[in-house]
Amino acid sequence: MERRLSILKISIRQIKAARALVAWSQEDLAQNSGVSIPTIRRLEARDGEIGGRQETGAKLVAALEAVGVEFIPENGGGAGVRLKKSR
């Protein structure tokens, strides 16, 4: 349950920044997440937290995390993203 709550706090800006870190287009994100391109375009046209259905946000986050993106929560220094260190 805690993971689901954190997904709700991820912003569209974080999704866009994460895509940029891994050099993914909206089409790449759609292919890797199973979320349609029109849905991703609609979500990214707005600002703020990920809107729509909770499972849609979860799919986007899971696809980006699978390629090494780490979502950093708002903790006084601002929310963000980074790539995880290689092992």
C-alpha atoms as a PDB file:
ATOM      1  CA  MET A   1       0.000   0.000   0.000  1.00  0.00           C
ATOM      2  CA  GLU A   2       2.826   2.447   0.756  1.00  0.00           C
ATOM      3  CA  ARG A   3       4.144   2.113  -2.811  1.00  0.00           C
ATOM      4  CA  ARG A   4       0.745   3.048  -4.249  1.00  0.00           C
ATOM      5  CA  LEU A   5       0.668   6.224  -2.199  1.00  0.00           C
ATOM      6  CA  SER A   6       4.078   7.277  -3.479  1.00  0.00           C
ATOM      7  CA  ILE A   7       2.970   6.780  -7.082  1.00  0.00           C
ATOM      8  CA  LEU A   8       0.278   9.387  -6.577  1.00  0.00           C
ATOM      9  CA  LYS A   9       2.919  11.963  -5.646  1.00  0.00           C
ATOM     10  CA  ILE A  10       4.956  11.561  -8.819  1.00  0.00           C
ATOM     11  CA  SER A  11       4.537  14.508 -11.122  1.00  0.00           C
ATOM     12  CA  ILE A  12       4.260  14.739 -14.872  1.00  0.00           C
ATOM     13  CA  ARG A  13       7.490  16.760 -14.813  1.00  0.00           C
ATOM     14  CA  GLN A  14       9.228  13.798 -13.184  1.00  0.00           C
ATOM     15  CA  ILE A  15       7.893  11.480 -15.897  1.00  0.00           C
ATOM     16  CA  LYS A  16       9.161  13.833 -18.622  1.00  0.00           C
ATOM     17  CA  ALA A  17      12.536  14.198 -16.895  1.00  0.00           C
ATOM     18  CA  ALA A  18      12.800  10.427 -16.505  1.00  0.00           C
ATOM     19  CA  ARG A  19      12.091   9.931 -20.207  1.00  0.00           C
ATOM     20  CA  ALA A  20      14.832  12.439 -21.012  1.00  0.00           C
ATOM     21  CA  LEU A  21      17.342  10.629 -18.757  1.00  0.00           C
ATOM     22  CA  VAL A  22      16.872   7.377 -20.639  1.00  0.00           C
ATOM     23  CA  ALA A  23      16.403   9.081 -24.042  1.00  0.00           C
ATOM     24  CA  TRP A  24      12.890   7.709 -24.505  1.00  0.00           C
ATOM     25  CA  SER A  25      10.220   9.243 -26.682  1.00  0.00           C
ATOM     26  CA  GLN A  26       6.561   9.086 -25.718  1.00  0.00           C
ATOM     27  CA  GLU A  27       6.328   6.152 -28.125  1.00  0.00           C
ATOM     28  CA  ASP A  28       9.141   4.325 -26.297  1.00  0.00           C
ATOM     29  CA  LEU A  29       7.380   4.845 -22.980  1.00  0.00           C
ATOM     30  CA  ALA A  30       4.114   3.589 -24.465  1.00  0.00           C
ATOM     31  CA  GLN A  31       5.760   0.459 -25.841  1.00  0.00           C
ATOM     32  CA  ASN A  32       7.549  -0.331 -22.575  1.00  0.00           C
ATOM     33  CA  SER A  33       4.667   0.478 -20.229  1.00  0.00           C
ATOM     34  CA  GLY A  34       1.653  -0.810 -22.114  1.00  0.00           C
ATOM     35  CA  VAL A  35       0.004   2.623 -21.838  1.00  0.00           C
ATOM     36  CA  SER A  36      -1.297   4.057 -25.112  1.00  0.00           C
ATOM     37  CA  ILE A  37       0.465   6.951 -26.825  1.00  0.00           C
ATOM     38  CA  PRO A  38      -2.682   9.132 -26.740  1.00  0.00           C
ATOM     39  CA  THR A  39      -2.951   8.591 -22.978  1.00  0.00           C
ATOM     40  CA  ILE A  40       0.696   9.539 -22.429  1.00  0.00           C
ATOM     41  CA  ARG A  41       0.281  12.633 -24.615  1.00  0.00           C
ATOM     42  CA  ARG A  42      -2.835  13.637 -22.703  1.00  0.00           C
ATOM     43  CA  LEU A  43      -1.144  13.163 -19.327  1.00  0.00           C
ATOM     44  CA  GLU A  44       2.004  15.026 -20.378  1.00  0.00           C
ATOM     45  CA  ALA A  45      -0.011  17.967 -21.737  1.00  0.00           C
ATOM     46  CA  ARG A  46      -0.879  18.890 -18.155  1.00  0.00           C
ATOM     47  CA  ASP A  47       1.221  19.803 -15.162  1.00  0.00           C
ATOM     48  CA  GLY A  48       1.037  18.522 -11.598  1.00  0.00           C
ATOM     49  CA  GLU A  49       0.672  14.989 -10.325  1.00  0.00           C
ATOM     50  CA  ILE A  50      -0.050  12.105 -12.680  1.00  0.00           C
ATOM     51  CA  GLY A  51      -3.756  12.174 -13.400  1.00  0.00           C
ATOM     52  CA  GLY A  52      -6.030   9.443 -14.636  1.00  0.00           C
ATOM     53  CA  ARG A  53      -6.255   5.932 -13.317  1.00  0.00           C
ATOM     54  CA  GLN A  54      -3.834   4.882 -10.619  1.00  0.00           C
ATOM     55  CA  GLU A  55      -2.751   1.758 -12.514  1.00  0.00           C
ATOM     56  CA  THR A  56      -1.776   3.931 -15.497  1.00  0.00           C
ATOM     57  CA  GLY A  57       0.654   5.895 -13.339  1.00  0.00           C
ATOM     58  CA  ALA A  58       1.941   2.656 -11.829  1.00  0.00           C
ATOM     59  CA  LYS A  59       2.684   1.245 -15.310  1.00  0.00           C
ATOM     60  CA  LEU A  60       4.569   4.380 -16.350  1.00  0.00           C
ATOM     61  CA  VAL A  61       6.630   4.411 -13.172  1.00  0.00           C
ATOM     62  CA  ALA A  62       7.357   0.667 -13.344  1.00  0.00           C
ATOM     63  CA  ALA A  63       8.578   0.899 -16.956  1.00  0.00           C
ATOM     64  CA  LEU A  64      10.940   3.750 -16.125  1.00  0.00           C
ATOM     65  CA  GLU A  65      12.181   2.123 -12.920  1.00  0.00           C
ATOM     66  CA  ALA A  66      12.894  -1.074 -14.878  1.00  0.00           C
ATOM     67  CA  VAL A  67      15.512   0.792 -16.916  1.00  0.00           C
ATOM     68  CA  GLY A  68      17.181   2.355 -13.902  1.00  0.00           C
ATOM     69  CA  VAL A  69      15.245   5.529 -13.135  1.00  0.00           C
ATOM     70  CA  GLU A  70      14.824   6.376  -9.476  1.00  0.00           C
ATOM     71  CA  PHE A  71      12.032   8.757  -8.510  1.00  0.00           C
ATOM     72  CA  ILE A  72      13.035  11.116  -5.708  1.00  0.00           C
ATOM     73  CA  PRO A  73      10.139  12.296  -3.529  1.00  0.00           C
ATOM     74  CA  GLU A  74       9.587  15.847  -2.367  1.00  0.00           C
ATOM     75  CA  ASN A  75      11.717  16.025   0.763  1.00  0.00           C
ATOM     76  CA  GLY A  76      12.391  19.701   1.215  1.00  0.00           C
ATOM     77  CA  GLY A  77      14.838  19.800  -1.678  1.00  0.00           C
ATOM     78  CA  GLY A  78      12.313  19.242  -4.424  1.00  0.00           C
ATOM     79  CA  ALA A  79      11.082  16.150  -6.198  1.00  0.00           C
ATOM     80  CA  GLY A  80      13.194  14.773  -9.019  1.00  0.00           C
ATOM     81  CA  VAL A  81      14.622  11.778 -10.836  1.00  0.00           C
ATOM     82  CA  ARG A  82      18.035  10.209 -11.248  1.00  0.00           C
ATOM     83  CA  LEU A  83      19.605   7.099 -12.694  1.00  0.00           C
ATOM     84  CA  LYS A  84      20.515   4.379 -10.244  1.00  0.00           C
ATOM     85  CA  LYS A  85      24.173   3.512  -9.914  1.00  0.00           C
ATOM     86  CA  SER A  86      25.306   0.542 -11.950  1.00  0.00           C
ATOM     87  CA  ARG A  87      26.152  -2.475  -9.874  1.00  0.00           C
END
